[in-house]
N, C-alpha and C. Protein backbone atom coordinates (compact mmCIF):
# COMPACT_ATOMS: atom_id res chain seq x y z
N MET A 1 87.36 100.29 146.95
CA MET A 1 87.60 100.24 145.74
C MET A 1 86.55 98.68 145.33
N ASN A 2 86.10 99.42 144.21
CA ASN A 2 85.31 98.75 143.48
C ASN A 2 85.76 96.96 143.56
N ASN A 3 84.66 95.84 143.24
CA ASN A 3 85.21 95.05 142.89
C ASN A 3 85.58 95.02 141.33
N ASN A 4 85.69 96.25 140.14
CA ASN A 4 85.86 95.87 138.80
C ASN A 4 87.30 96.37 138.72
N GLU A 5 87.82 97.20 140.08
CA GLU A 5 88.51 97.61 140.16
C GLU A 5 90.36 96.54 140.00
N LEU A 6 91.33 96.96 139.22
CA LEU A 6 92.75 95.99 139.28
C LEU A 6 93.18 96.01 140.50
N ALA A 7 94.16 95.15 140.77
CA ALA A 7 94.90 95.46 142.08
C ALA A 7 95.75 96.49 141.63
N PHE A 8 96.49 96.44 140.65
CA PHE A 8 97.53 97.73 140.26
C PHE A 8 97.08 98.40 139.15
N GLY A 9 97.62 99.60 138.68
CA GLY A 9 97.56 99.99 137.65
C GLY A 9 98.64 99.81 136.73
N LYS A 10 98.03 100.66 135.38
CA LYS A 10 98.52 99.81 134.31
C LYS A 10 100.28 100.31 134.27
N LYS A 11 100.59 101.54 134.83
CA LYS A 11 102.18 101.82 134.94
C LYS A 11 102.70 100.35 136.26
N ASN A 12 102.19 99.72 136.45
CA ASN A 12 102.51 98.92 137.73
C ASN A 12 103.17 98.06 136.80
N TYR A 13 101.80 97.29 135.94
CA TYR A 13 101.80 96.13 135.35
C TYR A 13 103.42 96.38 134.05
N MET A 14 103.50 97.67 133.51
CA MET A 14 103.84 98.17 132.46
C MET A 14 106.05 98.04 133.30
N ILE A 15 105.96 98.32 134.68
CA ILE A 15 107.21 98.46 135.45
C ILE A 15 107.24 96.80 135.41
N MET A 16 106.42 95.91 135.85
CA MET A 16 106.66 94.68 136.38
C MET A 16 106.91 94.01 135.03
N LEU A 17 106.80 94.53 133.93
CA LEU A 17 106.82 93.73 133.00
C LEU A 17 108.24 93.76 132.31
N ALA A 18 108.73 95.46 132.32
CA ALA A 18 110.22 95.28 132.29
C ALA A 18 110.61 94.75 133.84
N GLY A 19 110.27 94.27 134.38
CA GLY A 19 111.05 93.38 135.53
C GLY A 19 111.14 92.19 135.04
N ILE A 20 110.58 91.74 134.62
CA ILE A 20 110.06 90.03 134.33
C ILE A 20 111.23 90.31 132.64
N ALA A 21 111.49 90.70 131.93
CA ALA A 21 112.06 90.71 130.23
C ALA A 21 113.69 91.32 131.04
N LEU A 22 113.87 91.97 132.34
CA LEU A 22 115.12 91.31 132.48
C LEU A 22 115.53 90.39 133.54
N VAL A 23 114.94 90.22 134.01
CA VAL A 23 114.92 87.85 134.58
C VAL A 23 115.27 87.46 133.46
N VAL A 24 114.17 87.22 132.77
CA VAL A 24 114.15 86.54 130.97
C VAL A 24 115.36 86.72 130.44
N ILE A 25 116.05 87.69 130.20
CA ILE A 25 117.74 88.10 129.66
C ILE A 25 118.53 87.43 130.41
N GLY A 26 118.52 88.32 132.01
CA GLY A 26 119.69 87.44 132.36
C GLY A 26 119.49 85.90 132.40
N TYR A 27 118.62 85.15 132.56
CA TYR A 27 118.70 83.97 132.49
C TYR A 27 118.71 82.97 131.33
N PHE A 28 119.02 83.91 130.32
CA PHE A 28 119.00 83.88 129.04
C PHE A 28 121.04 83.67 128.59
N LEU A 29 121.26 84.29 129.34
CA LEU A 29 122.79 84.92 128.94
C LEU A 29 123.52 84.59 130.10
N MET A 30 123.11 82.98 131.24
CA MET A 30 123.90 82.71 131.99
C MET A 30 123.56 81.46 131.31
N ALA A 31 122.41 81.09 130.43
CA ALA A 31 122.41 79.59 129.89
C ALA A 31 123.77 79.00 128.72
N GLY A 32 124.13 78.41 128.46
CA GLY A 32 124.94 77.32 127.31
C GLY A 32 126.49 77.41 128.30
N GLY A 33 127.05 77.27 127.54
CA GLY A 33 128.46 77.09 128.26
C GLY A 33 129.37 75.50 128.06
N GLN A 34 128.54 74.94 127.71
CA GLN A 34 128.94 73.70 128.09
C GLN A 34 129.63 72.90 126.81
N ALA A 35 130.49 73.00 127.39
CA ALA A 35 131.76 71.54 126.36
C ALA A 35 131.03 70.76 125.63
N GLU A 36 131.39 70.74 123.65
CA GLU A 36 130.48 69.61 122.97
C GLU A 36 131.14 67.98 123.59
N ASN A 37 132.23 67.81 123.69
CA ASN A 37 132.73 66.75 124.43
C ASN A 37 132.88 67.05 126.02
N PRO A 38 132.41 65.68 126.86
CA PRO A 38 132.22 66.09 127.99
C PRO A 38 133.45 66.14 129.21
N ASN A 39 134.42 65.07 128.36
CA ASN A 39 136.11 64.93 128.38
C ASN A 39 136.99 66.44 128.46
N GLU A 40 136.39 67.24 127.62
CA GLU A 40 137.22 68.84 127.56
C GLU A 40 136.62 69.89 128.68
N PHE A 41 137.71 70.51 128.71
CA PHE A 41 137.07 71.77 129.62
C PHE A 41 136.52 72.76 128.80
N ASN A 42 135.65 73.49 128.86
CA ASN A 42 134.82 75.14 128.15
C ASN A 42 135.73 76.17 128.73
N PRO A 43 136.93 77.20 128.96
CA PRO A 43 136.67 77.99 129.77
C PRO A 43 135.37 79.09 129.15
N GLU A 44 134.42 79.38 128.61
CA GLU A 44 134.05 80.40 128.91
C GLU A 44 132.72 79.40 129.40
N VAL A 45 132.97 79.04 130.48
CA VAL A 45 131.87 78.86 131.29
C VAL A 45 132.14 79.54 132.72
N PHE A 46 133.45 80.01 132.32
CA PHE A 46 133.44 81.01 133.63
C PHE A 46 133.98 82.55 132.88
N SER A 47 133.23 82.52 131.66
CA SER A 47 133.20 83.80 131.47
C SER A 47 132.18 85.22 132.42
N THR A 48 132.96 86.39 131.89
CA THR A 48 131.97 87.88 132.59
C THR A 48 130.87 87.95 132.68
N VAL A 49 130.32 87.49 131.43
CA VAL A 49 128.92 87.63 131.28
C VAL A 49 128.12 86.83 132.28
N ARG A 50 128.45 85.12 132.20
CA ARG A 50 127.93 83.89 132.99
C ARG A 50 128.00 84.53 134.58
N ILE A 51 129.51 84.81 134.78
CA ILE A 51 129.70 85.00 135.98
C ILE A 51 128.77 86.16 137.00
N THR A 52 129.08 87.54 136.32
CA THR A 52 128.83 88.89 136.75
C THR A 52 127.77 89.45 136.22
N ILE A 53 127.67 89.95 135.18
CA ILE A 53 126.73 90.51 134.25
C ILE A 53 125.05 89.59 134.32
N ALA A 54 124.97 88.59 133.89
CA ALA A 54 123.83 88.01 134.00
C ALA A 54 123.37 87.85 135.34
N PRO A 55 123.99 87.20 136.78
CA PRO A 55 123.35 87.06 138.04
C PRO A 55 122.47 88.87 138.01
N THR A 56 123.49 89.56 137.95
CA THR A 56 123.34 91.42 138.06
C THR A 56 122.08 91.33 137.63
N LEU A 57 122.01 91.17 136.18
CA LEU A 57 120.78 91.60 135.70
C LEU A 57 118.95 90.49 136.27
N VAL A 58 119.60 89.57 136.88
CA VAL A 58 118.69 88.59 137.23
C VAL A 58 117.97 89.40 138.57
N LEU A 59 118.87 89.92 139.65
CA LEU A 59 118.67 90.31 140.71
C LEU A 59 118.07 91.58 140.64
N LEU A 60 118.79 92.55 139.66
CA LEU A 60 118.12 93.41 139.27
C LEU A 60 116.55 93.37 138.81
N GLY A 61 116.20 92.58 138.15
CA GLY A 61 115.10 92.28 137.26
C GLY A 61 114.13 91.69 138.70
N PHE A 62 114.41 91.19 139.47
CA PHE A 62 113.75 90.78 140.51
C PHE A 62 113.40 92.26 141.89
N GLY A 63 114.40 93.21 141.81
CA GLY A 63 114.28 94.28 142.33
C GLY A 63 113.33 94.82 141.80
N VAL A 64 113.38 95.17 140.21
CA VAL A 64 112.18 95.76 139.65
C VAL A 64 110.73 95.58 140.10
N VAL A 65 110.74 94.12 140.07
CA VAL A 65 109.54 93.43 139.42
C VAL A 65 108.91 93.77 141.60
N GLY A 66 109.75 93.53 142.53
CA GLY A 66 109.48 94.08 143.68
C GLY A 66 108.64 95.67 144.06
N LEU A 67 110.09 96.45 143.00
CA LEU A 67 108.77 97.97 143.20
C LEU A 67 108.26 97.66 142.34
N SER A 68 107.75 97.30 141.47
CA SER A 68 106.14 97.60 140.90
C SER A 68 104.75 97.43 141.57
N VAL A 69 105.39 96.10 142.60
CA VAL A 69 104.18 96.14 143.73
C VAL A 69 104.30 97.13 144.64
N PHE A 70 105.17 97.90 144.70
CA PHE A 70 104.98 98.82 146.23
C PHE A 70 104.70 100.35 145.23
N TYR A 71 104.79 100.47 143.75
CA TYR A 71 104.47 101.62 143.59
C TYR A 71 103.68 102.08 143.07
N LYS A 72 103.53 103.44 143.58
CA LYS A 72 101.77 103.99 143.43
C LYS A 72 102.01 105.26 142.93
N ASP A 73 101.03 105.49 141.73
CA ASP A 73 101.31 106.56 140.81
C ASP A 73 100.09 107.85 141.55
N LYS A 74 101.11 108.89 141.45
CA LYS A 74 100.42 110.17 142.15
C LYS A 74 99.30 110.11 141.35
N ALA A 75 98.63 110.30 140.34
CA ALA A 75 97.80 110.53 139.23
C ALA A 75 96.75 109.70 139.50
N GLU A 76 97.16 108.62 140.07
CA GLU A 76 96.01 107.79 140.47
C GLU A 76 95.22 108.01 141.81
N ASN A 77 96.01 109.15 142.79
CA ASN A 77 95.14 108.62 143.93
C ASN A 77 94.14 109.99 144.01
N ASN A 78 94.45 110.79 142.68
CA ASN A 78 93.44 111.65 142.82
C ASN A 78 92.20 111.60 142.30
């Protein structure tokens, strides 16, 4: 490995960016849900999107980022 080579290939970085995008989208979906008046309860806090879908997207995004670290392109081996 030369000193000028990057640690990962272009495909690794593209997979990593996709994973980071999933994490950001997941956190964005988890945001909000607070009541305008703190003395009132807002049932939107317990929506399916905030409790199930968003955390699943975040975990999936972290998994994709981890996969991008271990991914080895067959074309780069030759």
